[in-house]
Amino acid sequence: MAYILAVDDEPDILALIKNALETDGHRVSIAERADAVVRERLTDFDLILLDVMMPDTDGMVFCAEIRALVDCPILFLTAKTQEADIVRGLGCGADDYLQKPFGVGELQARVRAHLRREQREKHAVLNASGVRFDLSAKEVSVAEETVVLTKSEYEICEFLARNKGQVFSKEQIYESVFGYEGESDASAIAEHVKNIRAKFVRYGFSPIATVWGIGYKWV
């Protein structure tokens, strides 16, 4: 059982989320405004669902404010489908997003996938192309300097590094990392990879190469 926070200004959406996730055995806390969430309680949650468009503080601003306070998965609930919105959402620290309207089954499956990822046990150290992975701490470093990655960025890097040289499509990466296959997955992976590359620029190399027409690989 996980403790989940859902923030959305639509009571019907909150009721759907609460009923669906409680059916799966989770405990769900709901709020209609980001400003109503008690910041001191954020570390209690195992996963957070955030609506993008809300009065007062919107979901993206709220995510950016709390990302340094919590390390649990943050998923956006959004009716927006434009690439610029996806870029901004993932760039401010979100792990994934669901497009409204979404079905109960999709919501449950996506939440299960992210919670499974959180429960995986990691052991030992992996070195790949000058990048060191501490698999227990889920940390990446280059020349003994830590590269600050979000959870999703780390998991993508680890998956590709474990399979160095092998090419994976965006869909294969998403399914392997998150354990769920959906229509929005390809866009999410593309933006995560863009963010990963930007964070490795200071070290003078990009560990993830694009294989045009196919996908990505760790070089």
C-alpha atoms as a PDB file:
ATOM      1  CA  MET A   1       0.000   0.000   0.000  1.00  0.00           C
ATOM      2  CA  ALA A   2       1.205   3.481  -0.857  1.00  0.00           C
ATOM      3  CA  TYR A   3       0.244   6.909   0.443  1.00  0.00           C
ATOM      4  CA  ILE A   4      -0.664   9.103  -2.531  1.00  0.00           C
ATOM      5  CA  LEU A   5      -1.430  12.814  -2.840  1.00  0.00           C
ATOM      6  CA  ALA A   6      -3.726  14.043  -5.613  1.00  0.00           C
ATOM      7  CA  VAL A   7      -4.105  17.773  -6.294  1.00  0.00           C
ATOM      8  CA  ASP A   8      -6.724  18.909  -8.829  1.00  0.00           C
ATOM      9  CA  ASP A   9      -9.278  21.729  -8.858  1.00  0.00           C
ATOM     10  CA  GLU A  10     -11.989  19.440 -10.279  1.00  0.00           C
ATOM     11  CA  PRO A  11     -13.831  17.560  -7.505  1.00  0.00           C
ATOM     12  CA  ASP A  12     -15.056  14.897  -9.952  1.00  0.00           C
ATOM     13  CA  ILE A  13     -11.487  14.108 -11.021  1.00  0.00           C
ATOM     14  CA  LEU A  14     -10.378  13.898  -7.402  1.00  0.00           C
ATOM     15  CA  ALA A  15     -13.262  11.534  -6.607  1.00  0.00           C
ATOM     16  CA  LEU A  16     -12.334   9.307  -9.563  1.00  0.00           C
ATOM     17  CA  ILE A  17      -8.665   9.212  -8.528  1.00  0.00           C
ATOM     18  CA  LYS A  18      -9.470   8.515  -4.879  1.00  0.00           C
ATOM     19  CA  ASN A  19     -11.912   5.704  -5.682  1.00  0.00           C
ATOM     20  CA  ALA A  20      -9.642   4.107  -8.294  1.00  0.00           C
ATOM     21  CA  LEU A  21      -6.494   4.122  -6.175  1.00  0.00           C
ATOM     22  CA  GLU A  22      -8.221   3.127  -2.941  1.00  0.00           C
ATOM     23  CA  THR A  23      -9.618   0.157  -4.870  1.00  0.00           C
ATOM     24  CA  ASP A  24      -5.988  -0.791  -5.467  1.00  0.00           C
ATOM     25  CA  GLY A  25      -5.393  -0.677  -1.719  1.00  0.00           C
ATOM     26  CA  HIS A  26      -3.683   2.711  -1.513  1.00  0.00           C
ATOM     27  CA  ARG A  27      -4.359   5.539   0.903  1.00  0.00           C
ATOM     28  CA  VAL A  28      -5.191   8.767  -0.917  1.00  0.00           C
ATOM     29  CA  SER A  29      -5.118  12.350   0.314  1.00  0.00           C
ATOM     30  CA  ILE A  30      -6.748  14.978  -1.928  1.00  0.00           C
ATOM     31  CA  ALA A  31      -6.589  18.760  -2.286  1.00  0.00           C
ATOM     32  CA  GLU A  32      -8.299  21.160  -4.680  1.00  0.00           C
ATOM     33  CA  ARG A  33      -5.490  23.738  -4.571  1.00  0.00           C
ATOM     34  CA  ALA A  34      -1.729  23.461  -4.341  1.00  0.00           C
ATOM     35  CA  ASP A  35      -1.764  26.212  -1.727  1.00  0.00           C
ATOM     36  CA  ALA A  36      -3.860  23.942   0.525  1.00  0.00           C
ATOM     37  CA  VAL A  37      -1.132  21.291   0.705  1.00  0.00           C
ATOM     38  CA  VAL A  38       0.884  21.313   3.913  1.00  0.00           C
ATOM     39  CA  ARG A  39       4.526  21.417   2.797  1.00  0.00           C
ATOM     40  CA  GLU A  40       5.741  19.736   5.992  1.00  0.00           C
ATOM     41  CA  ARG A  41       3.704  16.610   5.145  1.00  0.00           C
ATOM     42  CA  LEU A  42       5.020  16.163   1.608  1.00  0.00           C
ATOM     43  CA  THR A  43       7.672  13.666   2.649  1.00  0.00           C
ATOM     44  CA  ASP A  44       4.891  11.344   3.863  1.00  0.00           C
ATOM     45  CA  PHE A  45       3.765  10.601   0.314  1.00  0.00           C
ATOM     46  CA  ASP A  46       4.983   7.795  -1.927  1.00  0.00           C
ATOM     47  CA  LEU A  47       3.621   9.387  -5.129  1.00  0.00           C
ATOM     48  CA  ILE A  48       2.085  12.744  -6.066  1.00  0.00           C
ATOM     49  CA  LEU A  49      -0.450  13.461  -8.820  1.00  0.00           C
ATOM     50  CA  LEU A  50      -0.645  17.119  -9.883  1.00  0.00           C
ATOM     51  CA  ASP A  51      -3.078  18.879 -12.185  1.00  0.00           C
ATOM     52  CA  VAL A  52      -1.292  21.393 -14.405  1.00  0.00           C
ATOM     53  CA  MET A  53      -4.019  24.043 -14.686  1.00  0.00           C
ATOM     54  CA  MET A  54      -5.114  25.155 -11.206  1.00  0.00           C
ATOM     55  CA  PRO A  55      -6.039  28.514  -9.658  1.00  0.00           C
ATOM     56  CA  ASP A  56      -3.418  30.363  -7.626  1.00  0.00           C
ATOM     57  CA  THR A  57      -0.316  28.141  -7.907  1.00  0.00           C
ATOM     58  CA  ASP A  58      -0.402  25.893 -10.992  1.00  0.00           C
ATOM     59  CA  GLY A  59       0.960  22.365 -11.010  1.00  0.00           C
ATOM     60  CA  MET A  60       4.225  23.134 -12.774  1.00  0.00           C
ATOM     61  CA  VAL A  61       5.117  25.960 -10.402  1.00  0.00           C
ATOM     62  CA  PHE A  62       4.195  23.774  -7.427  1.00  0.00           C
ATOM     63  CA  CYS A  63       6.289  20.887  -8.760  1.00  0.00           C
ATOM     64  CA  ALA A  64       9.322  23.136  -9.149  1.00  0.00           C
ATOM     65  CA  GLU A  65       8.841  24.409  -5.596  1.00  0.00           C
ATOM     66  CA  ILE A  66       8.632  20.979  -3.972  1.00  0.00           C
ATOM     67  CA  ARG A  67      10.977  18.878  -6.107  1.00  0.00           C
ATOM     68  CA  ALA A  68      13.893  19.562  -3.780  1.00  0.00           C
ATOM     69  CA  LEU A  69      11.750  18.556  -0.792  1.00  0.00           C
ATOM     70  CA  VAL A  70      10.523  15.170  -2.057  1.00  0.00           C
ATOM     71  CA  ASP A  71      12.090  12.303  -3.978  1.00  0.00           C
ATOM     72  CA  CYS A  72       8.896  10.402  -4.773  1.00  0.00           C
ATOM     73  CA  PRO A  73       7.487  10.190  -8.322  1.00  0.00           C
ATOM     74  CA  ILE A  74       5.468  13.225  -9.454  1.00  0.00           C
ATOM     75  CA  LEU A  75       2.965  12.710 -12.282  1.00  0.00           C
ATOM     76  CA  PHE A  76       1.138  15.526 -14.029  1.00  0.00           C
ATOM     77  CA  LEU A  77      -2.524  15.331 -14.973  1.00  0.00           C
ATOM     78  CA  THR A  78      -2.988  17.541 -18.010  1.00  0.00           C
ATOM     79  CA  ALA A  79      -5.278  18.221 -20.930  1.00  0.00           C
ATOM     80  CA  LYS A  80      -2.402  19.957 -22.669  1.00  0.00           C
ATOM     81  CA  THR A  81      -0.778  17.957 -25.443  1.00  0.00           C
ATOM     82  CA  GLN A  82       1.573  20.494 -27.002  1.00  0.00           C
ATOM     83  CA  GLU A  83       5.256  19.626 -26.904  1.00  0.00           C
ATOM     84  CA  ALA A  84       6.173  22.879 -25.157  1.00  0.00           C
ATOM     85  CA  ASP A  85       3.977  21.954 -22.190  1.00  0.00           C
ATOM     86  CA  ILE A  86       5.530  18.492 -21.952  1.00  0.00           C
ATOM     87  CA  VAL A  87       9.021  20.004 -22.093  1.00  0.00           C
ATOM     88  CA  ARG A  88       8.244  22.460 -19.316  1.00  0.00           C
ATOM     89  CA  GLY A  89       6.572  19.829 -17.140  1.00  0.00           C
ATOM     90  CA  LEU A  90       9.389  17.294 -17.299  1.00  0.00           C
ATOM     91  CA  GLY A  91      11.966  20.043 -17.033  1.00  0.00           C
ATOM     92  CA  CYS A  92      10.638  21.234 -13.679  1.00  0.00           C
ATOM     93  CA  GLY A  93      11.055  17.789 -12.104  1.00  0.00           C
ATOM     94  CA  ALA A  94       8.025  15.682 -13.039  1.00  0.00           C
ATOM     95  CA  ASP A  95       8.567  12.011 -13.809  1.00  0.00           C
ATOM     96  CA  ASP A  96       5.638  11.431 -16.123  1.00  0.00           C
ATOM     97  CA  TYR A  97       2.219  12.708 -17.157  1.00  0.00           C
ATOM     98  CA  LEU A  98      -1.269  11.434 -17.952  1.00  0.00           C
ATOM     99  CA  GLN A  99      -3.408  13.198 -20.526  1.00  0.00           C
ATOM    100  CA  LYS A 100      -6.992  14.009 -19.621  1.00  0.00           C
ATOM    101  CA  PRO A 101      -9.384  12.392 -20.098  1.00  0.00           C
ATOM    102  CA  PHE A 102      -7.787   9.215 -18.761  1.00  0.00           C
ATOM    103  CA  GLY A 103      -9.412   5.936 -17.820  1.00  0.00           C
ATOM    104  CA  VAL A 104      -9.360   4.274 -14.426  1.00  0.00           C
ATOM    105  CA  GLY A 105      -7.317   1.380 -15.799  1.00  0.00           C
ATOM    106  CA  GLU A 106      -4.669   3.663 -17.255  1.00  0.00           C
ATOM    107  CA  LEU A 107      -4.407   5.634 -14.008  1.00  0.00           C
ATOM    108  CA  GLN A 108      -4.027   2.484 -11.928  1.00  0.00           C
ATOM    109  CA  ALA A 109      -1.486   0.939 -14.302  1.00  0.00           C
ATOM    110  CA  ARG A 110       0.662   4.065 -14.478  1.00  0.00           C
ATOM    111  CA  VAL A 111       0.682   4.484 -10.701  1.00  0.00           C
ATOM    112  CA  ARG A 112       1.547   0.798 -10.189  1.00  0.00           C
ATOM    113  CA  ALA A 113       4.421   1.110 -12.655  1.00  0.00           C
ATOM    114  CA  HIS A 114       5.990   4.049 -10.847  1.00  0.00           C
ATOM    115  CA  LEU A 115       5.531   2.485  -7.424  1.00  0.00           C
ATOM    116  CA  ARG A 116       7.153  -0.769  -8.638  1.00  0.00           C
ATOM    117  CA  ARG A 117      10.114   1.225  -9.824  1.00  0.00           C
ATOM    118  CA  GLU A 118      10.454   2.776  -6.362  1.00  0.00           C
ATOM    119  CA  GLN A 119      10.539  -0.648  -4.725  1.00  0.00           C
ATOM    120  CA  ARG A 120      13.303  -2.141  -6.848  1.00  0.00           C
ATOM    121  CA  GLU A 121      16.423  -3.086  -4.933  1.00  0.00           C
ATOM    122  CA  LYS A 122      19.762  -1.919  -6.320  1.00  0.00           C
ATOM    123  CA  HIS A 123      23.168  -3.359  -5.539  1.00  0.00           C
ATOM    124  CA  ALA A 124      26.829  -2.618  -6.291  1.00  0.00           C
ATOM    125  CA  VAL A 125      28.360  -0.170  -8.757  1.00  0.00           C
ATOM    126  CA  LEU A 126      28.214   0.117 -12.537  1.00  0.00           C
ATOM    127  CA  ASN A 127      30.794   1.960 -14.642  1.00  0.00           C
ATOM    128  CA  ALA A 128      29.949   2.822 -18.235  1.00  0.00           C
ATOM    129  CA  SER A 129      31.824   5.197 -20.542  1.00  0.00           C
ATOM    130  CA  GLY A 130      33.323   7.191 -17.690  1.00  0.00           C
ATOM    131  CA  VAL A 131      30.044   7.429 -15.817  1.00  0.00           C
ATOM    132  CA  ARG A 132      29.830   5.786 -12.380  1.00  0.00           C
ATOM    133  CA  PHE A 133      26.474   4.497 -11.126  1.00  0.00           C
ATOM    134  CA  ASP A 134      25.970   3.894  -7.420  1.00  0.00           C
ATOM    135  CA  LEU A 135      23.116   1.419  -7.793  1.00  0.00           C
ATOM    136  CA  SER A 136      22.199   1.472  -4.113  1.00  0.00           C
ATOM    137  CA  ALA A 137      22.061   5.254  -3.738  1.00  0.00           C
ATOM    138  CA  LYS A 138      20.776   5.752  -7.304  1.00  0.00           C
ATOM    139  CA  GLU A 139      23.438   8.356  -7.953  1.00  0.00           C
ATOM    140  CA  VAL A 140      25.542   9.120 -11.011  1.00  0.00           C
ATOM    141  CA  SER A 141      28.966  10.730 -10.987  1.00  0.00           C
ATOM    142  CA  VAL A 142      31.630  11.770 -13.460  1.00  0.00           C
ATOM    143  CA  ALA A 143      35.211  12.260 -12.247  1.00  0.00           C
ATOM    144  CA  GLU A 144      33.910  11.943  -8.666  1.00  0.00           C
ATOM    145  CA  GLU A 145      31.471  14.818  -9.201  1.00  0.00           C
ATOM    146  CA  THR A 146      27.774  14.003  -8.776  1.00  0.00           C
ATOM    147  CA  VAL A 147      25.495  14.622 -11.752  1.00  0.00           C
ATOM    148  CA  VAL A 148      22.130  15.735 -10.375  1.00  0.00           C
ATOM    149  CA  LEU A 149      19.394  13.774 -12.146  1.00  0.00           C
ATOM    150  CA  THR A 150      15.694  13.294 -11.462  1.00  0.00           C
ATOM    151  CA  LYS A 151      14.562   9.756 -10.653  1.00  0.00           C
ATOM    152  CA  SER A 152      13.285   9.204 -14.177  1.00  0.00           C
ATOM    153  CA  GLU A 153      16.464  10.563 -15.759  1.00  0.00           C
ATOM    154  CA  TYR A 154      18.538   8.280 -13.538  1.00  0.00           C
ATOM    155  CA  GLU A 155      16.494   5.189 -14.385  1.00  0.00           C
ATOM    156  CA  ILE A 156      16.762   5.866 -18.129  1.00  0.00           C
ATOM    157  CA  CYS A 157      20.526   6.295 -17.847  1.00  0.00           C
ATOM    158  CA  GLU A 158      20.933   3.137 -15.791  1.00  0.00           C
ATOM    159  CA  PHE A 159      18.813   1.056 -18.160  1.00  0.00           C
ATOM    160  CA  LEU A 160      20.753   2.200 -21.222  1.00  0.00           C
ATOM    161  CA  ALA A 161      24.124   1.888 -19.460  1.00  0.00           C
ATOM    162  CA  ARG A 162      23.334  -1.678 -18.396  1.00  0.00           C
ATOM    163  CA  ASN A 163      22.701  -2.424 -22.071  1.00  0.00           C
ATOM    164  CA  LYS A 164      25.546  -0.343 -23.488  1.00  0.00           C
ATOM    165  CA  GLY A 165      25.668  -0.310 -27.282  1.00  0.00           C
ATOM    166  CA  GLN A 166      22.185  -1.774 -27.726  1.00  0.00           C
ATOM    167  CA  VAL A 167      19.594   0.419 -29.437  1.00  0.00           C
ATOM    168  CA  PHE A 168      16.131   0.817 -27.903  1.00  0.00           C
ATOM    169  CA  SER A 169      13.080   2.628 -29.202  1.00  0.00           C
ATOM    170  CA  LYS A 170      11.420   5.272 -27.024  1.00  0.00           C
ATOM    171  CA  GLU A 171       8.568   2.864 -26.374  1.00  0.00           C
ATOM    172  CA  GLN A 172      10.944   0.063 -25.321  1.00  0.00           C
ATOM    173  CA  ILE A 173      12.773   2.383 -22.938  1.00  0.00           C
ATOM    174  CA  TYR A 174       9.551   3.564 -21.347  1.00  0.00           C
ATOM    175  CA  GLU A 175       8.167   0.070 -20.886  1.00  0.00           C
ATOM    176  CA  SER A 176      11.461  -1.233 -19.472  1.00  0.00           C
ATOM    177  CA  VAL A 177      11.953   1.659 -17.060  1.00  0.00           C
ATOM    178  CA  PHE A 178       8.390   2.336 -15.944  1.00  0.00           C
ATOM    179  CA  GLY A 179       6.720  -0.979 -16.723  1.00  0.00           C
ATOM    180  CA  TYR A 180       3.793   0.579 -18.553  1.00  0.00           C
ATOM    181  CA  GLU A 181       3.074   1.104 -22.248  1.00  0.00           C
ATOM    182  CA  GLY A 182       0.992   4.091 -23.332  1.00  0.00           C
ATOM    183  CA  GLU A 183       0.480   6.567 -26.134  1.00  0.00           C
ATOM    184  CA  SER A 184       2.294   9.474 -24.482  1.00  0.00           C
ATOM    185  CA  ASP A 185       5.400   7.492 -23.586  1.00  0.00           C
ATOM    186  CA  ALA A 186       7.542   8.369 -26.611  1.00  0.00           C
ATOM    187  CA  SER A 187       7.263  12.108 -26.007  1.00  0.00           C
ATOM    188  CA  ALA A 188       8.174  11.717 -22.336  1.00  0.00           C
ATOM    189  CA  ILE A 189      11.318   9.709 -23.112  1.00  0.00           C
ATOM    190  CA  ALA A 190      12.442  12.169 -25.781  1.00  0.00           C
ATOM    191  CA  GLU A 191      12.227  15.073 -23.343  1.00  0.00           C
ATOM    192  CA  HIS A 192      13.951  13.160 -20.532  1.00  0.00           C
ATOM    193  CA  VAL A 193      16.834  12.344 -22.893  1.00  0.00           C
ATOM    194  CA  LYS A 194      17.094  16.007 -23.899  1.00  0.00           C
ATOM    195  CA  ASN A 195      17.346  16.994 -20.228  1.00  0.00           C
ATOM    196  CA  ILE A 196      19.933  14.275 -19.524  1.00  0.00           C
ATOM    197  CA  ARG A 197      22.130  15.485 -22.369  1.00  0.00           C
ATOM    198  CA  ALA A 198      21.941  19.063 -21.110  1.00  0.00           C
ATOM    199  CA  LYS A 199      23.176  17.968 -17.671  1.00  0.00           C
ATOM    200  CA  PHE A 200      26.183  16.104 -19.123  1.00  0.00           C
ATOM    201  CA  VAL A 201      27.277  19.009 -21.344  1.00  0.00           C
ATOM    202  CA  ARG A 202      29.594  20.411 -18.673  1.00  0.00           C
ATOM    203  CA  TYR A 203      31.594  17.165 -18.815  1.00  0.00           C
ATOM    204  CA  GLY A 204      32.189  17.500 -22.541  1.00  0.00           C
ATOM    205  CA  PHE A 205      30.269  14.478 -23.765  1.00  0.00           C
ATOM    206  CA  SER A 206      26.814  13.079 -24.309  1.00  0.00           C
ATOM    207  CA  PRO A 207      26.461   9.456 -23.151  1.00  0.00           C
ATOM    208  CA  ILE A 208      23.188   8.854 -25.013  1.00  0.00           C
ATOM    209  CA  ALA A 209      23.343   8.738 -28.807  1.00  0.00           C
ATOM    210  CA  THR A 210      20.396   8.969 -31.166  1.00  0.00           C
ATOM    211  CA  VAL A 211      20.108   6.240 -33.785  1.00  0.00           C
ATOM    212  CA  TRP A 212      17.888   7.940 -36.316  1.00  0.00           C
ATOM    213  CA  GLY A 213      14.670   6.147 -37.102  1.00  0.00           C
ATOM    214  CA  ILE A 214      15.178   3.642 -34.270  1.00  0.00           C
ATOM    215  CA  GLY A 215      15.846   5.179 -30.864  1.00  0.00           C
ATOM    216  CA  TYR A 216      18.693   5.649 -28.396  1.00  0.00           C
ATOM    217  CA  LYS A 217      21.764   3.861 -27.074  1.00  0.00           C
ATOM    218  CA  TRP A 218      24.430   4.380 -24.425  1.00  0.00           C
ATOM    219  CA  VAL A 219      27.763   4.987 -26.147  1.00  0.00           C
END
